[in-house]
C-alpha atoms as a PDB file:
ATOM      1  CA  UNK A   1      -9.831 -18.744  31.255  1.00  0.00           C
ATOM      2  CA  UNK A   2      -9.759 -15.364  29.314  1.00  0.00           C
ATOM      3  CA  UNK A   3     -11.711 -14.572  26.326  1.00  0.00           C
ATOM      4  CA  UNK A   4      -9.314 -13.571  23.281  1.00  0.00           C
ATOM      5  CA  UNK A   5      -8.895 -10.418  22.441  1.00  0.00           C
ATOM      6  CA  UNK A   6      -9.520  -9.175  18.648  1.00  0.00           C
ATOM      7  CA  UNK A   7      -8.774  -5.763  17.913  1.00  0.00           C
ATOM      8  CA  UNK A   8     -10.000  -3.745  14.158  1.00  0.00           C
ATOM      9  CA  UNK A   9      -8.233  -1.354  13.185  1.00  0.00           C
ATOM     10  CA  UNK A  10     -10.347   1.119  10.487  1.00  0.00           C
ATOM     11  CA  UNK A  11      -8.554   3.993   9.348  1.00  0.00           C
ATOM     12  CA  UNK A  12     -11.140   6.737   7.985  1.00  0.00           C
ATOM     13  CA  UNK A  13     -10.565   9.822   5.979  1.00  0.00           C
ATOM     14  CA  UNK A  14     -13.567  11.928   4.955  1.00  0.00           C
ATOM     15  CA  UNK A  15     -16.187   8.851   5.534  1.00  0.00           C
ATOM     16  CA  UNK A  16     -19.124  10.828   8.407  1.00  0.00           C
ATOM     17  CA  UNK A  17     -21.641   9.384   6.256  1.00  0.00           C
ATOM     18  CA  UNK A  18     -20.424   5.849   6.536  1.00  0.00           C
ATOM     19  CA  UNK A  19     -18.895   5.498   9.669  1.00  0.00           C
ATOM     20  CA  UNK A  20     -22.499   5.157  11.366  1.00  0.00           C
ATOM     21  CA  UNK A  21     -24.023   2.147   8.942  1.00  0.00           C
ATOM     22  CA  UNK A  22     -20.015   0.766   9.246  1.00  0.00           C
ATOM     23  CA  UNK A  23     -20.668   0.805  13.039  1.00  0.00           C
ATOM     24  CA  UNK A  24     -23.841  -0.677  13.059  1.00  0.00           C
ATOM     25  CA  UNK A  25     -22.486  -3.400  11.141  1.00  0.00           C
ATOM     26  CA  UNK A  26     -19.607  -3.934  12.833  1.00  0.00           C
ATOM     27  CA  UNK A  27     -21.684  -3.884  16.218  1.00  0.00           C
ATOM     28  CA  UNK A  28     -24.290  -6.900  14.392  1.00  0.00           C
ATOM     29  CA  UNK A  29     -21.057  -9.204  13.674  1.00  0.00           C
ATOM     30  CA  UNK A  30     -19.156  -8.648  17.208  1.00  0.00           C
ATOM     31  CA  UNK A  31     -22.348  -9.774  18.412  1.00  0.00           C
ATOM     32  CA  UNK A  32     -22.309 -13.313  16.809  1.00  0.00           C
ATOM     33  CA  UNK A  33     -19.089 -13.549  18.631  1.00  0.00           C
ATOM     34  CA  UNK A  34     -19.836 -13.537  22.416  1.00  0.00           C
ATOM     35  CA  UNK A  35     -16.299 -15.542  22.759  1.00  0.00           C
ATOM     36  CA  UNK A  36     -14.536 -13.155  22.074  1.00  0.00           C
ATOM     37  CA  UNK A  37     -13.799  -9.859  23.419  1.00  0.00           C
ATOM     38  CA  UNK A  38     -13.589  -6.603  21.231  1.00  0.00           C
ATOM     39  CA  UNK A  39     -11.611  -3.275  20.827  1.00  0.00           C
ATOM     40  CA  UNK A  40     -12.463  -1.210  17.955  1.00  0.00           C
ATOM     41  CA  UNK A  41      -9.843   1.352  16.934  1.00  0.00           C
ATOM     42  CA  UNK A  42     -10.908   4.098  14.721  1.00  0.00           C
ATOM     43  CA  UNK A  43      -8.330   6.201  12.835  1.00  0.00           C
ATOM     44  CA  UNK A  44      -8.786  10.143  12.224  1.00  0.00           C
ATOM     45  CA  UNK A  45      -6.321  10.252   9.034  1.00  0.00           C
ATOM     46  CA  UNK A  46      -6.243  14.326   9.277  1.00  0.00           C
ATOM     47  CA  UNK A  47     -10.535  14.318   8.002  1.00  0.00           C
ATOM     48  CA  UNK A  48     -11.718  17.463   6.371  1.00  0.00           C
ATOM     49  CA  UNK A  49     -15.013  16.398   7.040  1.00  0.00           C
ATOM     50  CA  UNK A  50     -17.415  16.118  10.217  1.00  0.00           C
ATOM     51  CA  UNK A  51     -15.923  12.659  11.043  1.00  0.00           C
ATOM     52  CA  UNK A  52     -13.944  13.553  14.047  1.00  0.00           C
ATOM     53  CA  UNK A  53     -17.715  14.385  15.373  1.00  0.00           C
ATOM     54  CA  UNK A  54     -19.361  11.198  14.017  1.00  0.00           C
ATOM     55  CA  UNK A  55     -16.042   9.055  15.702  1.00  0.00           C
ATOM     56  CA  UNK A  56     -16.501  11.075  19.018  1.00  0.00           C
ATOM     57  CA  UNK A  57     -20.055  10.424  19.377  1.00  0.00           C
ATOM     58  CA  UNK A  58     -19.871   6.747  18.522  1.00  0.00           C
ATOM     59  CA  UNK A  59     -17.159   5.978  21.169  1.00  0.00           C
ATOM     60  CA  UNK A  60     -19.668   7.895  24.011  1.00  0.00           C
ATOM     61  CA  UNK A  61     -22.343   4.900  23.012  1.00  0.00           C
ATOM     62  CA  UNK A  62     -19.563   2.160  23.124  1.00  0.00           C
ATOM     63  CA  UNK A  63     -16.892   1.905  25.630  1.00  0.00           C
ATOM     64  CA  UNK A  64     -14.658  -0.305  23.130  1.00  0.00           C
ATOM     65  CA  UNK A  65     -14.594   2.070  21.186  1.00  0.00           C
ATOM     66  CA  UNK A  66     -10.403   3.647  20.876  1.00  0.00           C
ATOM     67  CA  UNK A  67      -9.665   7.043  18.628  1.00  0.00           C
ATOM     68  CA  UNK A  68      -6.689   8.324  17.255  1.00  0.00           C
ATOM     69  CA  UNK A  69      -6.573  11.271  15.455  1.00  0.00           C
ATOM     70  CA  UNK A  70      -4.221  12.243  13.441  1.00  0.00           C
ATOM     71  CA  UNK A  71      -2.127  16.689  13.217  1.00  0.00           C
ATOM     72  CA  UNK A  72      -3.586  16.031   9.481  1.00  0.00           C
ATOM     73  CA  UNK A  73      -3.619  13.927   6.775  1.00  0.00           C
ATOM     74  CA  UNK A  74      -0.535  11.135   6.736  1.00  0.00           C
ATOM     75  CA  UNK A  75      -2.036   8.564   3.947  1.00  0.00           C
ATOM     76  CA  UNK A  76      -4.021   4.920   4.731  1.00  0.00           C
ATOM     77  CA  UNK A  77      -0.792   3.064   5.594  1.00  0.00           C
ATOM     78  CA  UNK A  78       0.375   5.338   8.005  1.00  0.00           C
ATOM     79  CA  UNK A  79      -3.240   5.097   9.777  1.00  0.00           C
ATOM     80  CA  UNK A  80      -2.988   1.812   9.802  1.00  0.00           C
ATOM     81  CA  UNK A  81       0.433   1.171  10.911  1.00  0.00           C
ATOM     82  CA  UNK A  82      -0.682   3.768  13.918  1.00  0.00           C
ATOM     83  CA  UNK A  83      -3.584   1.575  14.570  1.00  0.00           C
ATOM     84  CA  UNK A  84      -1.411  -1.582  14.847  1.00  0.00           C
ATOM     85  CA  UNK A  85       0.987   0.006  16.492  1.00  0.00           C
ATOM     86  CA  UNK A  86      -1.980   0.866  18.952  1.00  0.00           C
ATOM     87  CA  UNK A  87      -3.795  -2.771  19.125  1.00  0.00           C
ATOM     88  CA  UNK A  88      -3.632  -5.015  22.859  1.00  0.00           C
ATOM     89  CA  UNK A  89      -5.532  -7.996  21.128  1.00  0.00           C
ATOM     90  CA  UNK A  90      -4.261 -11.274  20.505  1.00  0.00           C
ATOM     91  CA  UNK A  91      -5.430 -10.693  16.396  1.00  0.00           C
ATOM     92  CA  UNK A  92      -5.932  -7.643  14.298  1.00  0.00           C
ATOM     93  CA  UNK A  93      -8.355  -7.408  12.010  1.00  0.00           C
ATOM     94  CA  UNK A  94      -7.957  -4.328   9.219  1.00  0.00           C
ATOM     95  CA  UNK A  95     -10.906  -3.060   7.240  1.00  0.00           C
ATOM     96  CA  UNK A  96     -11.873  -0.009   5.611  1.00  0.00           C
ATOM     97  CA  UNK A  97     -14.290   2.569   6.893  1.00  0.00           C
ATOM     98  CA  UNK A  98     -16.081   2.757   3.061  1.00  0.00           C
ATOM     99  CA  UNK A  99     -18.380  -1.149   3.768  1.00  0.00           C
ATOM    100  CA  UNK A 100     -16.877  -2.314   0.381  1.00  0.00           C
ATOM    101  CA  UNK A 101     -15.356  -4.786   2.672  1.00  0.00           C
ATOM    102  CA  UNK A 102     -18.189  -6.429   4.327  1.00  0.00           C
ATOM    103  CA  UNK A 103     -17.985  -6.480   8.414  1.00  0.00           C
ATOM    104  CA  UNK A 104     -19.947 -10.261   8.492  1.00  0.00           C
ATOM    105  CA  UNK A 105     -17.044 -12.155   7.202  1.00  0.00           C
ATOM    106  CA  UNK A 106     -15.099 -11.126  10.363  1.00  0.00           C
ATOM    107  CA  UNK A 107     -16.193 -14.356  12.378  1.00  0.00           C
ATOM    108  CA  UNK A 108     -14.638 -16.183   9.300  1.00  0.00           C
ATOM    109  CA  UNK A 109     -11.660 -14.445   9.788  1.00  0.00           C
ATOM    110  CA  UNK A 110     -11.684 -14.986  13.159  1.00  0.00           C
ATOM    111  CA  UNK A 111     -12.531 -18.289  12.084  1.00  0.00           C
ATOM    112  CA  UNK A 112      -9.429 -19.362   9.928  1.00  0.00           C
ATOM    113  CA  UNK A 113      -7.213 -17.508  12.379  1.00  0.00           C
ATOM    114  CA  UNK A 114      -8.278 -20.033  15.232  1.00  0.00           C
ATOM    115  CA  UNK A 115      -7.381 -23.014  13.203  1.00  0.00           C
ATOM    116  CA  UNK A 116      -3.458 -22.006  13.059  1.00  0.00           C
ATOM    117  CA  UNK A 117      -3.300 -19.447  10.372  1.00  0.00           C
ATOM    118  CA  UNK A 118      -1.473 -16.681  11.464  1.00  0.00           C
ATOM    119  CA  UNK A 119      -2.347 -14.011   8.654  1.00  0.00           C
ATOM    120  CA  UNK A 120      -5.760 -13.974   6.849  1.00  0.00           C
ATOM    121  CA  UNK A 121      -5.963 -12.375   3.973  1.00  0.00           C
ATOM    122  CA  UNK A 122      -9.326 -11.044   2.149  1.00  0.00           C
ATOM    123  CA  UNK A 123      -8.884 -11.464  -1.511  1.00  0.00           C
ATOM    124  CA  UNK A 124     -11.592  -9.789  -4.885  1.00  0.00           C
ATOM    125  CA  UNK A 125     -13.433 -12.317  -6.330  1.00  0.00           C
ATOM    126  CA  UNK A 126     -15.570  -9.817  -8.295  1.00  0.00           C
ATOM    127  CA  UNK A 127     -14.805  -5.863  -8.106  1.00  0.00           C
ATOM    128  CA  UNK A 128     -16.535  -2.791  -8.986  1.00  0.00           C
ATOM    129  CA  UNK A 129     -14.467  -0.817 -10.898  1.00  0.00           C
ATOM    130  CA  UNK A 130     -13.842   0.560 -14.570  1.00  0.00           C
ATOM    131  CA  UNK A 131     -12.150  -1.383 -17.127  1.00  0.00           C
ATOM    132  CA  UNK A 132      -9.527   0.919 -17.267  1.00  0.00           C
ATOM    133  CA  UNK A 133      -9.325  -0.127 -13.535  1.00  0.00           C
ATOM    134  CA  UNK A 134      -9.286  -3.091 -14.244  1.00  0.00           C
ATOM    135  CA  UNK A 135      -6.809  -3.622 -16.832  1.00  0.00           C
ATOM    136  CA  UNK A 136      -4.375  -1.682 -14.588  1.00  0.00           C
ATOM    137  CA  UNK A 137      -5.069  -3.768 -11.777  1.00  0.00           C
ATOM    138  CA  UNK A 138      -4.221  -6.752 -13.653  1.00  0.00           C
ATOM    139  CA  UNK A 139      -1.038  -5.602 -15.440  1.00  0.00           C
ATOM    140  CA  UNK A 140      -0.268  -4.342 -12.243  1.00  0.00           C
ATOM    141  CA  UNK A 141       0.381  -7.616 -10.357  1.00  0.00           C
ATOM    142  CA  UNK A 142       1.702  -9.083 -13.685  1.00  0.00           C
ATOM    143  CA  UNK A 143       5.129  -6.353 -13.451  1.00  0.00           C
ATOM    144  CA  UNK A 144       5.765  -7.176  -9.807  1.00  0.00           C
ATOM    145  CA  UNK A 145       5.067 -10.962 -10.065  1.00  0.00           C
ATOM    146  CA  UNK A 146       7.744 -10.997 -12.465  1.00  0.00           C
ATOM    147  CA  UNK A 147      10.556  -8.303 -11.021  1.00  0.00           C
ATOM    148  CA  UNK A 148       9.512  -8.310  -7.505  1.00  0.00           C
ATOM    149  CA  UNK A 149      11.342 -10.000  -4.702  1.00  0.00           C
ATOM    150  CA  UNK A 150       8.562 -10.495  -2.477  1.00  0.00           C
ATOM    151  CA  UNK A 151       5.620 -12.547  -3.492  1.00  0.00           C
ATOM    152  CA  UNK A 152       2.100 -10.126  -3.728  1.00  0.00           C
ATOM    153  CA  UNK A 153      -1.022 -12.204  -3.608  1.00  0.00           C
ATOM    154  CA  UNK A 154      -3.038 -11.033  -6.948  1.00  0.00           C
ATOM    155  CA  UNK A 155      -6.232  -9.275  -5.998  1.00  0.00           C
ATOM    156  CA  UNK A 156      -5.007  -8.954  -2.098  1.00  0.00           C
ATOM    157  CA  UNK A 157      -6.973  -6.317   0.009  1.00  0.00           C
ATOM    158  CA  UNK A 158      -5.980  -4.690   3.534  1.00  0.00           C
ATOM    159  CA  UNK A 159      -8.685  -6.635   4.921  1.00  0.00           C
ATOM    160  CA  UNK A 160      -6.955  -8.870   6.972  1.00  0.00           C
ATOM    161  CA  UNK A 161      -6.162 -10.934   9.762  1.00  0.00           C
ATOM    162  CA  UNK A 162      -2.887 -10.427  11.774  1.00  0.00           C
ATOM    163  CA  UNK A 163      -2.094 -12.574  14.551  1.00  0.00           C
ATOM    164  CA  UNK A 164      -0.392 -10.753  17.704  1.00  0.00           C
ATOM    165  CA  UNK A 165       2.877 -12.439  16.615  1.00  0.00           C
ATOM    166  CA  UNK A 166       2.397 -10.702  13.249  1.00  0.00           C
ATOM    167  CA  UNK A 167       1.409  -7.529  14.393  1.00  0.00           C
ATOM    168  CA  UNK A 168       5.154  -7.265  16.650  1.00  0.00           C
ATOM    169  CA  UNK A 169       6.792  -7.883  14.002  1.00  0.00           C
ATOM    170  CA  UNK A 170       5.083  -5.341  11.228  1.00  0.00           C
ATOM    171  CA  UNK A 171       5.856  -2.979  14.673  1.00  0.00           C
ATOM    172  CA  UNK A 172       9.690  -2.856  13.959  1.00  0.00           C
ATOM    173  CA  UNK A 173       9.413  -1.901  11.155  1.00  0.00           C
ATOM    174  CA  UNK A 174      10.942   1.419  10.077  1.00  0.00           C
ATOM    175  CA  UNK A 175      10.879   2.062   6.831  1.00  0.00           C
ATOM    176  CA  UNK A 176       8.610   5.670   6.076  1.00  0.00           C
ATOM    177  CA  UNK A 177       7.839   4.649   2.470  1.00  0.00           C
ATOM    178  CA  UNK A 178       5.288   1.516   3.154  1.00  0.00           C
ATOM    179  CA  UNK A 179       2.951  -0.781   1.626  1.00  0.00           C
ATOM    180  CA  UNK A 180       1.320  -2.116   4.281  1.00  0.00           C
ATOM    181  CA  UNK A 181       0.364  -5.343   2.228  1.00  0.00           C
ATOM    182  CA  UNK A 182       3.752  -5.967   0.816  1.00  0.00           C
ATOM    183  CA  UNK A 183       5.187  -5.756   4.282  1.00  0.00           C
ATOM    184  CA  UNK A 184       3.123  -8.660   5.505  1.00  0.00           C
ATOM    185  CA  UNK A 185       3.455 -10.840   2.572  1.00  0.00           C
ATOM    186  CA  UNK A 186       7.217 -10.138   3.021  1.00  0.00           C
ATOM    187  CA  UNK A 187       6.960 -11.547   6.546  1.00  0.00           C
ATOM    188  CA  UNK A 188       5.539 -14.424   5.300  1.00  0.00           C
ATOM    189  CA  UNK A 189       4.092 -17.231   8.023  1.00  0.00           C
ATOM    190  CA  UNK A 190       1.382 -19.197   7.881  1.00  0.00           C
ATOM    191  CA  UNK A 191      -1.674 -17.918   5.668  1.00  0.00           C
ATOM    192  CA  UNK A 192      -5.386 -18.567   4.406  1.00  0.00           C
ATOM    193  CA  UNK A 193      -7.312 -17.031   2.244  1.00  0.00           C
ATOM    194  CA  UNK A 194     -11.646 -15.254   2.440  1.00  0.00           C
ATOM    195  CA  UNK A 195     -12.647 -14.640  -1.437  1.00  0.00           C
ATOM    196  CA  UNK A 196     -15.355 -11.940  -1.078  1.00  0.00           C
ATOM    197  CA  UNK A 197     -17.581  -9.536  -4.015  1.00  0.00           C
ATOM    198  CA  UNK A 198     -16.634  -6.295  -3.066  1.00  0.00           C
ATOM    199  CA  UNK A 199     -19.581  -4.402  -1.859  1.00  0.00           C
ATOM    200  CA  UNK A 200     -20.676  -1.133  -4.149  1.00  0.00           C
ATOM    201  CA  UNK A 201     -19.776   2.418  -2.281  1.00  0.00           C
ATOM    202  CA  UNK A 202     -22.761   3.491  -0.195  1.00  0.00           C
ATOM    203  CA  UNK A 203     -21.805   7.460  -0.032  1.00  0.00           C
ATOM    204  CA  UNK A 204     -18.622   9.614  -0.867  1.00  0.00           C
ATOM    205  CA  UNK A 205     -16.159   9.356  -3.224  1.00  0.00           C
ATOM    206  CA  UNK A 206     -13.183   7.030  -3.281  1.00  0.00           C
ATOM    207  CA  UNK A 207      -9.714   8.826  -2.293  1.00  0.00           C
ATOM    208  CA  UNK A 208      -7.499   6.773  -3.733  1.00  0.00           C
ATOM    209  CA  UNK A 209      -8.134   8.279  -7.848  1.00  0.00           C
ATOM    210  CA  UNK A 210      -6.170   7.539 -10.149  1.00  0.00           C
ATOM    211  CA  UNK A 211      -2.652   9.529  -9.619  1.00  0.00           C
ATOM    212  CA  UNK A 212      -2.735   7.860  -6.294  1.00  0.00           C
ATOM    213  CA  UNK A 213      -3.110   4.088  -7.436  1.00  0.00           C
ATOM    214  CA  UNK A 214      -0.300   5.207 -10.090  1.00  0.00           C
ATOM    215  CA  UNK A 215       1.939   6.567  -7.536  1.00  0.00           C
ATOM    216  CA  UNK A 216       1.075   3.287  -4.792  1.00  0.00           C
ATOM    217  CA  UNK A 217       2.070   0.947  -7.941  1.00  0.00           C
ATOM    218  CA  UNK A 218       5.800   2.660  -8.608  1.00  0.00           C
ATOM    219  CA  UNK A 219       6.400   2.996  -4.980  1.00  0.00           C
ATOM    220  CA  UNK A 220       5.582  -1.003  -4.801  1.00  0.00           C
ATOM    221  CA  UNK A 221       7.989  -1.418  -7.659  1.00  0.00           C
ATOM    222  CA  UNK A 222      10.660   0.235  -6.198  1.00  0.00           C
ATOM    223  CA  UNK A 223      10.630  -0.651  -2.670  1.00  0.00           C
ATOM    224  CA  UNK A 224       9.732  -4.828  -3.363  1.00  0.00           C
ATOM    225  CA  UNK A 225      11.999  -4.930  -5.884  1.00  0.00           C
ATOM    226  CA  UNK A 226      15.128  -3.343  -7.640  1.00  0.00           C
ATOM    227  CA  UNK A 227      14.718  -4.429 -11.301  1.00  0.00           C
ATOM    228  CA  UNK A 228      14.247  -0.780 -11.864  1.00  0.00           C
ATOM    229  CA  UNK A 229      17.543  -0.054 -11.065  1.00  0.00           C
ATOM    230  CA  UNK A 230      18.946  -2.564 -12.175  1.00  0.00           C
ATOM    231  CA  UNK A 231      17.177  -2.115 -15.401  1.00  0.00           C
ATOM    232  CA  UNK A 232      19.220   1.261 -15.748  1.00  0.00           C
ATOM    233  CA  UNK A 233      22.254  -1.083 -16.056  1.00  0.00           C
ATOM    234  CA  UNK A 234      20.905  -3.176 -18.226  1.00  0.00           C
ATOM    235  CA  UNK A 235      19.703  -1.027 -20.861  1.00  0.00           C
ATOM    236  CA  UNK A 236      22.919   0.555 -20.586  1.00  0.00           C
ATOM    237  CA  UNK A 237      24.780  -2.474 -21.654  1.00  0.00           C
ATOM    238  CA  UNK A 238      22.559  -3.073 -24.262  1.00  0.00           C
ATOM    239  CA  UNK A 239      23.040  -0.048 -25.696  1.00  0.00           C
ATOM    240  CA  UNK A 240      26.871  -0.205 -25.816  1.00  0.00           C
ATOM    241  CA  UNK A 241      26.591  -3.720 -27.343  1.00  0.00           C
ATOM    242  CA  UNK A 242      24.655  -2.388 -30.053  1.00  0.00           C
ATOM    243  CA  UNK A 243      26.110   0.814 -30.400  1.00  0.00           C
ATOM    244  CA  UNK A 244      29.681  -0.115 -30.538  1.00  0.00           C
ATOM    245  CA  UNK A 245      29.796  -2.985 -33.411  1.00  0.00           C
ATOM    246  CA  UNK A 246      27.485   0.080 -35.661  1.00  0.00           C
ATOM    247  CA  UNK A 247      29.938   2.467 -34.672  1.00  0.00           C
ATOM    248  CA  UNK A 248      33.141   0.178 -35.625  1.00  0.00           C
ATOM    249  CA  UNK A 249      31.104  -1.167 -38.867  1.00  0.00           C
ATOM    250  CA  UNK A 250      30.803   2.671 -39.775  1.00  0.00           C
ATOM    251  CA  UNK A 251      34.496   3.520 -39.291  1.00  0.00           C
ATOM    252  CA  UNK A 252      35.642   0.382 -41.231  1.00  0.00           C
ATOM    253  CA  UNK A 253      32.922   1.686 -44.086  1.00  0.00           C
ATOM    254  CA  UNK A 254      34.046   5.148 -43.946  1.00  0.00           C
ATOM    255  CA  UNK A 255      37.963   5.293 -43.946  1.00  0.00           C
ATOM    256  CA  UNK A 256      39.092   1.634 -45.032  1.00  0.00           C
ATOM    257  CA  UNK A 257      36.330   0.519 -47.581  1.00  0.00           C
ATOM    258  CA  UNK A 258      36.096   4.576 -48.730  1.00  0.00           C
ATOM    259  CA  UNK A 259      32.384   3.676 -48.941  1.00  0.00           C
ATOM    260  CA  UNK A 260      30.212   5.623 -47.079  1.00  0.00           C
ATOM    261  CA  UNK A 261      26.688   4.452 -46.173  1.00  0.00           C
ATOM    262  CA  UNK A 262      23.913   6.362 -47.992  1.00  0.00           C
ATOM    263  CA  UNK A 263      20.874   6.074 -45.649  1.00  0.00           C
ATOM    264  CA  UNK A 264      19.141   8.558 -47.241  1.00  0.00           C
ATOM    265  CA  UNK A 265      19.390  11.033 -44.440  1.00  0.00           C
ATOM    266  CA  UNK A 266      22.468  13.288 -43.858  1.00  0.00           C
ATOM    267  CA  UNK A 267      25.320  12.057 -41.490  1.00  0.00           C
ATOM    268  CA  UNK A 268      24.281  15.252 -38.992  1.00  0.00           C
ATOM    269  CA  UNK A 269      20.959  14.173 -38.711  1.00  0.00           C
ATOM    270  CA  UNK A 270      21.365  10.852 -38.078  1.00  0.00           C
ATOM    271  CA  UNK A 271      24.135  12.069 -35.568  1.00  0.00           C
ATOM    272  CA  UNK A 272      21.437  14.803 -34.012  1.00  0.00           C
ATOM    273  CA  UNK A 273      18.689  11.478 -33.736  1.00  0.00           C
ATOM    274  CA  UNK A 274      21.136   9.028 -32.067  1.00  0.00           C
ATOM    275  CA  UNK A 275      22.304  11.794 -29.600  1.00  0.00           C
ATOM    276  CA  UNK A 276      18.768  12.739 -28.370  1.00  0.00           C
ATOM    277  CA  UNK A 277      17.579   8.832 -28.323  1.00  0.00           C
ATOM    278  CA  UNK A 278      21.242   8.498 -26.184  1.00  0.00           C
ATOM    279  CA  UNK A 279      19.826  11.659 -23.838  1.00  0.00           C
ATOM    280  CA  UNK A 280      16.585  10.369 -23.562  1.00  0.00           C
ATOM    281  CA  UNK A 281      17.741   7.034 -22.160  1.00  0.00           C
ATOM    282  CA  UNK A 282      20.318   8.549 -19.393  1.00  0.00           C
ATOM    283  CA  UNK A 283      17.689  10.724 -18.326  1.00  0.00           C
ATOM    284  CA  UNK A 284      15.369   7.905 -17.808  1.00  0.00           C
ATOM    285  CA  UNK A 285      18.124   5.606 -16.142  1.00  0.00           C
ATOM    286  CA  UNK A 286      18.490   8.644 -13.984  1.00  0.00           C
ATOM    287  CA  UNK A 287      14.641   8.999 -12.923  1.00  0.00           C
ATOM    288  CA  UNK A 288      14.812   5.233 -11.812  1.00  0.00           C
ATOM    289  CA  UNK A 289      18.004   5.735  -9.492  1.00  0.00           C
ATOM    290  CA  UNK A 290      16.077   9.043  -7.983  1.00  0.00           C
ATOM    291  CA  UNK A 291      13.536   7.124  -7.201  1.00  0.00           C
ATOM    292  CA  UNK A 292      15.751   5.450  -5.041  1.00  0.00           C
ATOM    293  CA  UNK A 293      17.588   7.993  -4.134  1.00  0.00           C
ATOM    294  CA  UNK A 294      14.385   9.897  -2.882  1.00  0.00           C
ATOM    295  CA  UNK A 295      13.842   6.748  -0.458  1.00  0.00           C
ATOM    296  CA  UNK A 296      16.881   6.647   1.157  1.00  0.00           C
ATOM    297  CA  UNK A 297      16.406  10.744   1.200  1.00  0.00           C
ATOM    298  CA  UNK A 298      13.106   9.753   3.497  1.00  0.00           C
ATOM    299  CA  UNK A 299      14.590   7.007   5.533  1.00  0.00           C
ATOM    300  CA  UNK A 300      17.540   9.322   6.514  1.00  0.00           C
ATOM    301  CA  UNK A 301      15.938  12.539   7.763  1.00  0.00           C
ATOM    302  CA  UNK A 302      13.739  10.031   9.800  1.00  0.00           C
ATOM    303  CA  UNK A 303      10.576  12.089  10.241  1.00  0.00           C
ATOM    304  CA  UNK A 304       7.716  10.974  12.262  1.00  0.00           C
ATOM    305  CA  UNK A 305       5.585   8.221  10.041  1.00  0.00           C
ATOM    306  CA  UNK A 306       2.728  10.611  11.118  1.00  0.00           C
ATOM    307  CA  UNK A 307       1.737  12.842  14.358  1.00  0.00           C
ATOM    308  CA  UNK A 308      -1.105  11.947  16.630  1.00  0.00           C
ATOM    309  CA  UNK A 309      -3.050  15.209  18.143  1.00  0.00           C
ATOM    310  CA  UNK A 310      -4.506  13.482  20.816  1.00  0.00           C
ATOM    311  CA  UNK A 311      -6.047   9.866  21.259  1.00  0.00           C
ATOM    312  CA  UNK A 312      -9.386   9.166  23.281  1.00  0.00           C
ATOM    313  CA  UNK A 313      -9.169   5.988  25.301  1.00  0.00           C
ATOM    314  CA  UNK A 314     -12.328   3.575  25.802  1.00  0.00           C
ATOM    315  CA  UNK A 315     -12.585   5.239  29.242  1.00  0.00           C
ATOM    316  CA  UNK A 316     -13.767   8.469  27.316  1.00  0.00           C
ATOM    317  CA  UNK A 317     -10.594  10.753  28.799  1.00  0.00           C
ATOM    318  CA  UNK A 318      -9.175  12.582  25.577  1.00  0.00           C
ATOM    319  CA  UNK A 319      -5.056  11.584  25.678  1.00  0.00           C
ATOM    320  CA  UNK A 320      -2.800  14.524  23.891  1.00  0.00           C
ATOM    321  CA  UNK A 321      -0.374  12.637  22.105  1.00  0.00           C
ATOM    322  CA  UNK A 322       3.087  13.604  20.533  1.00  0.00           C
ATOM    323  CA  UNK A 323       4.871  12.764  17.425  1.00  0.00           C
ATOM    324  CA  UNK A 324       4.569   8.945  17.028  1.00  0.00           C
ATOM    325  CA  UNK A 325       7.727   7.131  14.652  1.00  0.00           C
END
């Protein structure tokens, strides 16, 4: 009977110092799973350090390693997508290269898969983060739970296993502006969860700062919810519902009862403040609408999700590659 093949998908961006200890930890975990075959797919996401040299060296040491080199940095979501597009396994496990997702849990992920789970999701039980980051994370999941049309599991991570059937479904997705975990959650399938403690980062600094995390949150809201778009309409209706009776009462007061309101400020100043408020609301609504138009623009121009400079196969042959959609 052929041993099941499990693919490890590991995106890396400026992780040269973390890659050797990561590989050693992964290798030790795989040695404890002799009944399975493995392929290890590293995606070098346009690193500016010597991650490429380190990965080529590791590929020479272990024939299970396949290396995908991007032409430039396209981001983690594109890197993970490229890895999943290249997988040949019966299942694939996504993990980061910073050692904050413990490799010793690989056996537990596979165990849950063999029990029937089609998606096995790692969930942070505890995290090494600042107070502001923790509060931001809590509010993100709270808001997403209220407005999202996709149920997002709180504190779920990209550390997850996907069955071959799930991978094939994921590879059919064509959108450019993608959040991997959101797409997998949208697809459904039978799932299991594995809580774990986030290990401290050994080397380097996180590449996802506040700005990127905020942008990721905005993308999540606009990709997996239509509420922001509807909110513009709701706001307009609310302002109309409040302003129409107020305007009518002012007309009656002024021209019917001949008793103009004395509000402590001139009518011109009040009118100016009201106009500024309404213009601000209009601009805010246009900003929300523009986010959705930007997503439409990205899909319409249909540029490749990523561009591969070369692929290093397990047989150590470097294969030039064209743009991938």
